[in-house]
Amino acid sequence: VVSTQSTGSSGINAEYGVSRLKKTWEHVKPGSQRALNDLEELMSTMDNFRQYRKRLLSVPRTVCSIPLLSLILRDIEFLNVNSAKLKNGLWNFGKLRLIKNKISELERYKMIKPQNNIQIDDEIMAYCRNLPSIPTSQIYDISLEREPKDPPKAARPVSASSFSSVATSSSS
């Protein structure tokens, strides 16, 4: 789910992608734009996914939630970058404890059973499984087909007299 959201955000916010489509964005409901902005803020990579981590911690332990597995695995990898042994050959129990806590966190999510009211909608699942993929290199070209660039505005002609007025005012 999160990787799908990240992919969607990168397509929307690509330097020359969907975000440049001003006329198109005018047709998106303000509530939908707010929801997208909230989701982008939640999944921001700023401060090591601080907003996401904070929200996940606020979910009661009795509620089924699906953590971002790649983030937990990245945390474990970060903790395990160097050997679990110290330079003198002794085990670094502090580091091992942190790794154990991350694995326990993952195990905790496995233990919570989903509520019985979750039902799978086969139509939505089929739609999600068959979503088209557009290479990033083509997003800009497609956006130009939808909304061509505005022609550059003509520059205001500059007369020689405007240069002379600047020169006289700076010499005084």
N, C-alpha and C. Protein backbone atom coordinates (compact mmCIF):
# COMPACT_ATOMS: atom_id res chain seq x y z
N VAL A 1 0.82 -1.19 0.00
CA VAL A 1 0.00 0.00 0.00
C VAL A 1 0.87 1.25 0.00
N VAL A 2 1.87 1.28 0.88
CA VAL A 2 2.70 2.47 0.98
C VAL A 2 3.57 2.64 -0.24
N SER A 3 4.10 1.54 -0.79
CA SER A 3 4.92 1.69 -1.99
C SER A 3 4.06 2.18 -3.15
N THR A 4 2.80 1.77 -3.17
CA THR A 4 1.88 2.28 -4.19
C THR A 4 1.67 3.77 -4.01
N GLN A 5 1.50 4.20 -2.75
CA GLN A 5 1.32 5.62 -2.47
C GLN A 5 2.57 6.39 -2.86
N SER A 6 3.74 5.86 -2.55
CA SER A 6 4.99 6.53 -2.90
C SER A 6 5.14 6.66 -4.40
N THR A 7 4.79 5.60 -5.11
CA THR A 7 4.87 5.62 -6.57
C THR A 7 3.91 6.66 -7.13
N GLY A 8 2.70 6.68 -6.60
CA GLY A 8 1.72 7.68 -7.05
C GLY A 8 2.19 9.09 -6.79
N SER A 9 2.71 9.33 -5.61
CA SER A 9 3.21 10.66 -5.27
C SER A 9 4.36 11.08 -6.16
N SER A 10 5.26 10.15 -6.44
CA SER A 10 6.40 10.52 -7.28
C SER A 10 5.93 10.85 -8.69
N GLY A 11 4.90 10.16 -9.18
CA GLY A 11 4.36 10.48 -10.50
C GLY A 11 3.67 11.83 -10.51
N ILE A 12 2.95 12.12 -9.45
CA ILE A 12 2.24 13.40 -9.37
C ILE A 12 3.23 14.54 -9.19
N ASN A 13 4.22 14.33 -8.35
CA ASN A 13 5.15 15.40 -8.01
C ASN A 13 6.42 15.40 -8.82
N ALA A 14 6.50 14.55 -9.84
CA ALA A 14 7.69 14.56 -10.69
C ALA A 14 7.88 15.98 -11.20
N GLU A 15 9.13 16.34 -11.37
CA GLU A 15 9.45 17.73 -11.69
C GLU A 15 8.60 18.28 -12.83
N TYR A 16 8.37 17.47 -13.85
CA TYR A 16 7.59 17.96 -14.98
C TYR A 16 6.40 17.05 -15.25
N GLY A 17 5.84 16.45 -14.24
CA GLY A 17 4.76 15.49 -14.43
C GLY A 17 3.38 16.08 -14.21
N VAL A 18 2.59 15.37 -13.46
CA VAL A 18 1.19 15.70 -13.25
C VAL A 18 1.01 17.01 -12.49
N SER A 19 1.91 17.33 -11.60
CA SER A 19 1.75 18.54 -10.79
C SER A 19 1.71 19.81 -11.64
N ARG A 20 2.28 19.79 -12.84
CA ARG A 20 2.27 20.97 -13.70
C ARG A 20 0.94 21.21 -14.40
N LEU A 21 0.02 20.27 -14.30
CA LEU A 21 -1.26 20.35 -15.02
C LEU A 21 -2.26 21.23 -14.26
N LYS A 22 -2.09 22.54 -14.37
CA LYS A 22 -2.90 23.50 -13.62
C LYS A 22 -4.39 23.38 -13.94
N LYS A 23 -4.72 23.27 -15.20
CA LYS A 23 -6.15 23.19 -15.59
C LYS A 23 -6.78 21.90 -15.08
N THR A 24 -6.02 20.84 -15.08
CA THR A 24 -6.52 19.56 -14.58
C THR A 24 -6.77 19.63 -13.08
N TRP A 25 -5.84 20.22 -12.33
CA TRP A 25 -5.98 20.31 -10.88
C TRP A 25 -7.18 21.16 -10.48
N GLU A 26 -7.59 22.10 -11.36
CA GLU A 26 -8.77 22.92 -11.07
C GLU A 26 -10.04 22.07 -10.96
N HIS A 27 -10.04 20.88 -11.59
CA HIS A 27 -11.21 20.00 -11.58
C HIS A 27 -11.20 18.98 -10.44
N VAL A 28 -10.11 18.95 -9.69
CA VAL A 28 -10.03 18.02 -8.55
C VAL A 28 -10.68 18.70 -7.34
N LYS A 29 -11.57 17.97 -6.69
CA LYS A 29 -12.29 18.53 -5.54
C LYS A 29 -11.31 18.92 -4.44
N PRO A 30 -11.58 20.05 -3.77
CA PRO A 30 -10.67 20.49 -2.70
C PRO A 30 -10.47 19.43 -1.61
N GLY A 31 -11.52 18.69 -1.28
CA GLY A 31 -11.40 17.63 -0.28
C GLY A 31 -10.43 16.55 -0.73
N SER A 32 -10.44 16.22 -2.01
CA SER A 32 -9.52 15.21 -2.54
C SER A 32 -8.09 15.74 -2.54
N GLN A 33 -7.93 17.02 -2.85
CA GLN A 33 -6.59 17.62 -2.81
C GLN A 33 -6.05 17.63 -1.39
N ARG A 34 -6.93 17.95 -0.42
CA ARG A 34 -6.50 17.95 0.99
C ARG A 34 -6.11 16.54 1.42
N ALA A 35 -6.91 15.54 1.01
CA ALA A 35 -6.61 14.15 1.38
C ALA A 35 -5.26 13.73 0.80
N LEU A 36 -4.99 14.12 -0.44
CA LEU A 36 -3.70 13.80 -1.06
C LEU A 36 -2.56 14.49 -0.32
N ASN A 37 -2.75 15.76 0.02
CA ASN A 37 -1.72 16.50 0.75
C ASN A 37 -1.46 15.87 2.13
N ASP A 38 -2.55 15.46 2.81
CA ASP A 38 -2.40 14.82 4.11
C ASP A 38 -1.64 13.51 3.98
N LEU A 39 -1.95 12.74 2.96
CA LEU A 39 -1.26 11.46 2.74
C LEU A 39 0.21 11.68 2.42
N GLU A 40 0.50 12.68 1.60
CA GLU A 40 1.89 13.00 1.26
C GLU A 40 2.65 13.47 2.49
N GLU A 41 1.99 14.26 3.35
CA GLU A 41 2.64 14.72 4.58
C GLU A 41 2.90 13.54 5.51
N LEU A 42 1.92 12.63 5.63
CA LEU A 42 2.08 11.46 6.48
C LEU A 42 3.25 10.60 6.02
N MET A 43 3.40 10.42 4.72
CA MET A 43 4.43 9.53 4.19
C MET A 43 5.70 10.25 3.77
N SER A 44 5.86 11.47 4.23
CA SER A 44 7.07 12.24 3.91
C SER A 44 8.30 11.54 4.48
N THR A 45 9.37 11.55 3.73
CA THR A 45 10.62 10.93 4.18
C THR A 45 11.39 11.85 5.14
N MET A 46 10.87 13.05 5.36
CA MET A 46 11.53 13.99 6.26
C MET A 46 11.71 13.37 7.64
N ASP A 47 12.85 13.61 8.24
CA ASP A 47 13.16 13.12 9.59
C ASP A 47 12.90 11.63 9.73
N ASN A 48 13.29 10.87 8.72
CA ASN A 48 13.19 9.41 8.77
C ASN A 48 11.73 8.95 8.98
N PHE A 49 10.82 9.49 8.17
CA PHE A 49 9.40 9.13 8.22
C PHE A 49 8.79 9.44 9.60
N ARG A 50 9.15 10.56 10.15
CA ARG A 50 8.70 10.92 11.50
C ARG A 50 7.19 10.92 11.65
N GLN A 51 6.47 11.53 10.70
CA GLN A 51 5.01 11.60 10.80
C GLN A 51 4.37 10.21 10.74
N TYR A 52 4.88 9.37 9.85
CA TYR A 52 4.35 8.01 9.72
C TYR A 52 4.60 7.22 11.01
N ARG A 53 5.81 7.30 11.53
CA ARG A 53 6.15 6.57 12.76
C ARG A 53 5.29 7.05 13.92
N LYS A 54 5.09 8.35 14.01
CA LYS A 54 4.27 8.92 15.08
C LYS A 54 2.82 8.42 14.98
N ARG A 55 2.28 8.41 13.77
CA ARG A 55 0.90 7.94 13.57
C ARG A 55 0.78 6.46 13.88
N LEU A 56 1.75 5.68 13.45
CA LEU A 56 1.71 4.23 13.70
C LEU A 56 1.77 3.93 15.19
N LEU A 57 2.57 4.69 15.93
CA LEU A 57 2.65 4.50 17.39
C LEU A 57 1.34 4.88 18.09
N SER A 58 0.56 5.78 17.47
CA SER A 58 -0.69 6.22 18.09
C SER A 58 -1.83 5.21 17.90
N VAL A 59 -1.64 4.24 17.01
CA VAL A 59 -2.67 3.22 16.78
C VAL A 59 -2.69 2.27 17.98
N PRO A 60 -3.85 2.07 18.60
CA PRO A 60 -3.91 1.15 19.75
C PRO A 60 -3.41 -0.24 19.36
N ARG A 61 -2.76 -0.90 20.28
CA ARG A 61 -2.18 -2.22 20.02
C ARG A 61 -3.24 -3.28 19.71
N THR A 62 -4.50 -2.98 19.99
CA THR A 62 -5.56 -3.95 19.73
C THR A 62 -6.13 -3.82 18.32
N VAL A 63 -5.73 -2.77 17.61
CA VAL A 63 -6.25 -2.51 16.26
C VAL A 63 -5.28 -3.08 15.23
N CYS A 64 -5.82 -3.80 14.28
CA CYS A 64 -5.00 -4.37 13.22
C CYS A 64 -4.46 -3.24 12.33
N SER A 65 -3.16 -3.21 12.16
CA SER A 65 -2.54 -2.23 11.27
C SER A 65 -1.37 -2.92 10.57
N ILE A 66 -1.06 -2.42 9.39
CA ILE A 66 0.00 -3.02 8.60
C ILE A 66 1.14 -2.02 8.51
N PRO A 67 2.26 -2.33 9.17
CA PRO A 67 3.38 -1.39 9.12
C PRO A 67 4.08 -1.46 7.77
N LEU A 68 4.85 -0.43 7.50
CA LEU A 68 5.66 -0.40 6.30
C LEU A 68 6.86 -1.32 6.52
N LEU A 69 6.78 -2.52 5.97
CA LEU A 69 7.81 -3.54 6.20
C LEU A 69 9.18 -3.05 5.76
N SER A 70 9.25 -2.39 4.64
CA SER A 70 10.56 -1.94 4.15
C SER A 70 11.21 -0.96 5.12
N LEU A 71 10.42 -0.19 5.85
CA LEU A 71 10.98 0.76 6.81
C LEU A 71 11.54 0.01 8.03
N ILE A 72 10.81 -0.99 8.50
CA ILE A 72 11.31 -1.78 9.63
C ILE A 72 12.58 -2.53 9.23
N LEU A 73 12.58 -3.10 8.04
CA LEU A 73 13.77 -3.82 7.57
C LEU A 73 14.96 -2.87 7.39
N ARG A 74 14.67 -1.66 6.94
CA ARG A 74 15.74 -0.67 6.80
C ARG A 74 16.31 -0.31 8.17
N ASP A 75 15.43 -0.19 9.17
CA ASP A 75 15.90 0.10 10.53
C ASP A 75 16.81 -1.02 11.04
N ILE A 76 16.38 -2.26 10.80
CA ILE A 76 17.18 -3.40 11.24
C ILE A 76 18.53 -3.41 10.52
N GLU A 77 18.50 -3.15 9.22
CA GLU A 77 19.75 -3.11 8.45
C GLU A 77 20.67 -2.00 8.96
N PHE A 78 20.09 -0.85 9.28
CA PHE A 78 20.88 0.26 9.81
C PHE A 78 21.54 -0.13 11.13
N LEU A 79 20.77 -0.81 11.98
CA LEU A 79 21.33 -1.25 13.26
C LEU A 79 22.41 -2.31 13.08
N ASN A 80 22.29 -3.06 12.01
CA ASN A 80 23.19 -4.19 11.80
C ASN A 80 24.30 -3.89 10.78
N VAL A 81 24.46 -2.61 10.41
CA VAL A 81 25.46 -2.25 9.41
C VAL A 81 26.84 -2.73 9.82
N ASN A 82 27.20 -2.45 11.02
CA ASN A 82 28.48 -2.94 11.53
C ASN A 82 28.21 -4.25 12.26
N SER A 83 29.24 -4.97 12.49
CA SER A 83 29.10 -6.23 13.20
C SER A 83 28.50 -6.01 14.58
N ALA A 84 27.79 -7.00 15.07
CA ALA A 84 27.23 -6.92 16.42
C ALA A 84 28.32 -7.08 17.48
N LYS A 85 29.55 -7.28 17.03
CA LYS A 85 30.67 -7.39 17.97
C LYS A 85 31.42 -6.07 18.01
N LEU A 86 31.94 -5.78 19.16
CA LEU A 86 32.77 -4.59 19.33
C LEU A 86 34.17 -4.87 18.79
N LYS A 87 34.99 -3.84 18.68
CA LYS A 87 36.35 -4.01 18.15
C LYS A 87 37.18 -4.96 19.00
N ASN A 88 36.88 -5.03 20.29
CA ASN A 88 37.65 -5.91 21.16
C ASN A 88 37.13 -7.35 21.14
N GLY A 89 36.15 -7.63 20.25
CA GLY A 89 35.64 -8.98 20.09
C GLY A 89 34.45 -9.32 20.97
N LEU A 90 34.07 -8.42 21.89
CA LEU A 90 32.91 -8.66 22.75
C LEU A 90 31.62 -8.33 22.00
N TRP A 91 30.53 -8.95 22.42
CA TRP A 91 29.24 -8.69 21.79
C TRP A 91 28.70 -7.34 22.24
N ASN A 92 28.11 -6.61 21.31
CA ASN A 92 27.48 -5.33 21.61
C ASN A 92 26.01 -5.61 21.95
N PHE A 93 25.75 -5.85 23.24
CA PHE A 93 24.40 -6.22 23.66
C PHE A 93 23.40 -5.08 23.47
N GLY A 94 23.86 -3.84 23.53
CA GLY A 94 22.96 -2.70 23.29
C GLY A 94 22.40 -2.75 21.87
N LYS A 95 23.28 -3.01 20.91
CA LYS A 95 22.85 -3.10 19.51
C LYS A 95 21.95 -4.32 19.30
N LEU A 96 22.31 -5.44 19.89
CA LEU A 96 21.48 -6.65 19.77
C LEU A 96 20.09 -6.43 20.37
N ARG A 97 20.02 -5.68 21.47
CA ARG A 97 18.73 -5.38 22.09
C ARG A 97 17.88 -4.51 21.16
N LEU A 98 18.49 -3.54 20.52
CA LEU A 98 17.73 -2.68 19.59
C LEU A 98 17.20 -3.50 18.40
N ILE A 99 18.03 -4.40 17.88
CA ILE A 99 17.58 -5.27 16.78
C ILE A 99 16.44 -6.15 17.24
N LYS A 100 16.57 -6.72 18.45
CA LYS A 100 15.51 -7.57 19.00
C LYS A 100 14.21 -6.79 19.16
N ASN A 101 14.31 -5.53 19.59
CA ASN A 101 13.11 -4.70 19.76
C ASN A 101 12.42 -4.46 18.42
N LYS A 102 13.18 -4.24 17.36
CA LYS A 102 12.59 -4.03 16.03
C LYS A 102 11.90 -5.31 15.55
N ILE A 103 12.53 -6.44 15.76
CA ILE A 103 11.92 -7.71 15.35
C ILE A 103 10.67 -7.99 16.18
N SER A 104 10.72 -7.66 17.48
CA SER A 104 9.54 -7.83 18.34
C SER A 104 8.40 -6.92 17.88
N GLU A 105 8.74 -5.72 17.44
CA GLU A 105 7.72 -4.80 16.92
C GLU A 105 7.02 -5.43 15.72
N LEU A 106 7.79 -6.02 14.84
CA LEU A 106 7.22 -6.68 13.66
C LEU A 106 6.34 -7.87 14.09
N GLU A 107 6.82 -8.64 15.05
CA GLU A 107 6.05 -9.78 15.57
C GLU A 107 4.73 -9.32 16.19
N ARG A 108 4.76 -8.18 16.87
CA ARG A 108 3.54 -7.65 17.49
C ARG A 108 2.45 -7.42 16.45
N TYR A 109 2.83 -6.90 15.29
CA TYR A 109 1.84 -6.66 14.25
C TYR A 109 1.26 -7.96 13.71
N LYS A 110 2.07 -9.01 13.70
CA LYS A 110 1.58 -10.31 13.23
C LYS A 110 0.55 -10.90 14.18
N MET A 111 0.66 -10.61 15.47
CA MET A 111 -0.20 -11.22 16.48
C MET A 111 -1.62 -10.67 16.48
N ILE A 112 -1.80 -9.46 15.99
CA ILE A 112 -3.13 -8.83 16.02
C ILE A 112 -3.96 -9.37 14.87
N LYS A 113 -5.09 -9.93 15.19
CA LYS A 113 -5.98 -10.49 14.17
C LYS A 113 -6.86 -9.39 13.60
N PRO A 114 -7.08 -9.42 12.29
CA PRO A 114 -7.98 -8.42 11.69
C PRO A 114 -9.39 -8.54 12.25
N GLN A 115 -10.07 -7.40 12.29
CA GLN A 115 -11.46 -7.41 12.74
C GLN A 115 -12.29 -8.20 11.73
N ASN A 116 -13.36 -8.78 12.18
CA ASN A 116 -14.20 -9.63 11.33
C ASN A 116 -14.94 -8.87 10.24
N ASN A 117 -15.04 -7.55 10.37
CA ASN A 117 -15.83 -6.80 9.39
C ASN A 117 -15.04 -6.43 8.13
N ILE A 118 -13.83 -6.91 7.99
CA ILE A 118 -13.05 -6.64 6.78
C ILE A 118 -13.47 -7.63 5.71
N GLN A 119 -13.94 -7.08 4.59
CA GLN A 119 -14.35 -7.93 3.48
C GLN A 119 -13.57 -7.52 2.24
N ILE A 120 -13.18 -8.51 1.48
CA ILE A 120 -12.43 -8.25 0.25
C ILE A 120 -13.41 -8.00 -0.88
N ASP A 121 -13.19 -6.92 -1.59
CA ASP A 121 -14.01 -6.60 -2.76
C ASP A 121 -13.23 -7.07 -3.98
N ASP A 122 -13.70 -8.14 -4.62
CA ASP A 122 -12.98 -8.73 -5.75
C ASP A 122 -12.81 -7.76 -6.91
N GLU A 123 -13.79 -6.90 -7.12
CA GLU A 123 -13.72 -5.93 -8.22
C GLU A 123 -12.58 -4.92 -7.97
N ILE A 124 -12.49 -4.43 -6.76
CA ILE A 124 -11.42 -3.48 -6.43
C ILE A 124 -10.06 -4.17 -6.48
N MET A 125 -9.99 -5.39 -5.96
CA MET A 125 -8.73 -6.12 -6.00
C MET A 125 -8.27 -6.37 -7.44
N ALA A 126 -9.20 -6.74 -8.31
CA ALA A 126 -8.86 -6.96 -9.72
C ALA A 126 -8.36 -5.66 -10.36
N TYR A 127 -9.04 -4.55 -10.05
CA TYR A 127 -8.63 -3.26 -10.58
C TYR A 127 -7.21 -2.92 -10.14
N CYS A 128 -6.92 -3.10 -8.85
CA CYS A 128 -5.59 -2.78 -8.32
C CYS A 128 -4.51 -3.67 -8.91
N ARG A 129 -4.83 -4.92 -9.15
CA ARG A 129 -3.84 -5.84 -9.72
C ARG A 129 -3.51 -5.50 -11.17
N ASN A 130 -4.41 -4.82 -11.85
CA ASN A 130 -4.23 -4.54 -13.28
C ASN A 130 -3.99 -3.07 -13.57
N LEU A 131 -3.55 -2.31 -12.60
CA LEU A 131 -3.28 -0.90 -12.83
C LEU A 131 -2.15 -0.75 -13.85
N PRO A 132 -2.32 0.16 -14.80
CA PRO A 132 -1.24 0.35 -15.78
C PRO A 132 -0.05 1.05 -15.13
N SER A 133 1.10 0.81 -15.69
CA SER A 133 2.32 1.44 -15.20
C SER A 133 2.89 2.30 -16.32
N ILE A 134 3.21 3.54 -15.98
CA ILE A 134 3.78 4.46 -16.97
C ILE A 134 5.21 4.77 -16.54
N PRO A 135 6.16 4.51 -17.41
CA PRO A 135 7.56 4.84 -17.05
C PRO A 135 7.71 6.34 -16.77
N THR A 136 8.51 6.65 -15.79
CA THR A 136 8.73 8.04 -15.39
C THR A 136 9.16 8.89 -16.58
N SER A 137 9.95 8.32 -17.46
CA SER A 137 10.45 9.07 -18.61
C SER A 137 9.33 9.51 -19.55
N GLN A 138 8.16 8.87 -19.48
CA GLN A 138 7.05 9.21 -20.37
C GLN A 138 6.03 10.14 -19.73
N ILE A 139 6.10 10.33 -18.41
CA ILE A 139 5.08 11.13 -17.72
C ILE A 139 5.03 12.55 -18.26
N TYR A 140 6.17 13.17 -18.45
CA TYR A 140 6.20 14.55 -18.94
C TYR A 140 5.60 14.64 -20.34
N ASP A 141 5.96 13.71 -21.23
CA ASP A 141 5.41 13.74 -22.59
C ASP A 141 3.88 13.61 -22.58
N ILE A 142 3.38 12.73 -21.73
CA ILE A 142 1.93 12.55 -21.63
C ILE A 142 1.28 13.81 -21.07
N SER A 143 1.94 14.44 -20.08
CA SER A 143 1.37 15.67 -19.51
C SER A 143 1.30 16.78 -20.57
N LEU A 144 2.28 16.81 -21.49
CA LEU A 144 2.25 17.81 -22.57
C LEU A 144 1.11 17.54 -23.55
N GLU A 145 0.78 16.25 -23.77
CA GLU A 145 -0.35 15.92 -24.62
C GLU A 145 -1.65 16.41 -24.00
N ARG A 146 -1.76 16.25 -22.69
CA ARG A 146 -2.99 16.64 -21.98
C ARG A 146 -3.13 18.15 -21.88
N GLU A 147 -2.01 18.81 -21.54
CA GLU A 147 -2.00 20.26 -21.35
C GLU A 147 -0.69 20.81 -21.91
N PRO A 148 -0.71 21.28 -23.17
CA PRO A 148 0.52 21.84 -23.74
C PRO A 148 0.99 23.03 -22.91
N LYS A 149 2.29 23.27 -22.97
CA LYS A 149 2.86 24.41 -22.26
C LYS A 149 2.26 25.70 -22.79
N ASP A 150 2.10 26.68 -21.89
CA ASP A 150 1.67 28.00 -22.33
C ASP A 150 2.82 28.62 -23.12
N PRO A 151 2.48 29.34 -24.20
CA PRO A 151 3.56 30.00 -24.95
C PRO A 151 4.24 31.04 -24.05
N PRO A 152 5.54 31.24 -24.23
CA PRO A 152 6.23 32.23 -23.38
C PRO A 152 5.66 33.62 -23.63
N LYS A 153 5.54 34.38 -22.57
CA LYS A 153 5.02 35.74 -22.69
C LYS A 153 6.08 36.62 -23.32
N ALA A 154 5.62 37.50 -24.20
CA ALA A 154 6.56 38.40 -24.88
C ALA A 154 7.15 39.37 -23.87
N ALA A 155 8.43 39.58 -24.01
CA ALA A 155 9.11 40.51 -23.11
C ALA A 155 8.74 41.93 -23.49
N ARG A 156 8.64 42.79 -22.51
CA ARG A 156 8.33 44.18 -22.77
C ARG A 156 9.55 44.84 -23.42
N PRO A 157 9.32 45.53 -24.53
CA PRO A 157 10.48 46.16 -25.19
C PRO A 157 11.12 47.20 -24.27
N VAL A 158 12.43 47.26 -24.32
CA VAL A 158 13.18 48.21 -23.51
C VAL A 158 13.71 49.28 -24.45
N SER A 159 13.45 50.51 -24.08
CA SER A 159 13.94 51.60 -24.93
C SER A 159 15.28 52.11 -24.41
N ALA A 160 15.99 52.78 -25.26
CA ALA A 160 17.29 53.34 -24.90
C ALA A 160 17.14 54.39 -23.82
N SER A 161 15.98 55.10 -23.80
CA SER A 161 15.79 56.16 -22.81
C SER A 161 15.71 55.59 -21.39
N SER A 162 15.21 54.35 -21.24
CA SER A 162 15.13 53.79 -19.89
C SER A 162 16.53 53.49 -19.34
N PHE A 163 17.50 53.18 -20.24
CA PHE A 163 18.87 52.98 -19.79
C PHE A 163 19.50 54.29 -19.36
N SER A 164 19.22 55.35 -20.11
CA SER A 164 19.83 56.63 -19.79
C SER A 164 19.29 57.18 -18.47
N SER A 165 18.00 56.91 -18.16
CA SER A 165 17.45 57.40 -16.89
C SER A 165 18.06 56.65 -15.71
N VAL A 166 18.39 55.39 -15.90
CA VAL A 166 19.04 54.62 -14.85
C VAL A 166 20.45 55.14 -14.64
N ALA A 167 21.14 55.42 -15.76
CA ALA A 167 22.53 55.90 -15.66
C ALA A 167 22.59 57.26 -14.98
N THR A 168 21.65 58.15 -15.28
CA THR A 168 21.69 59.48 -14.66
C THR A 168 21.32 59.44 -13.21
N SER A 169 20.39 58.54 -12.81
CA SER A 169 19.99 58.48 -11.41
C SER A 169 21.09 57.84 -10.55
N SER A 170 21.86 56.92 -11.12
CA SER A 170 22.92 56.29 -10.33
C SER A 170 24.15 57.18 -10.22
N SER A 171 24.33 58.12 -11.13
CA SER A 171 25.50 58.99 -11.07
C SER A 171 25.29 60.15 -10.11
N SER A 172 24.05 60.43 -9.71
CA SER A 172 23.82 61.56 -8.81
C SER A 172 24.15 61.25 -7.40
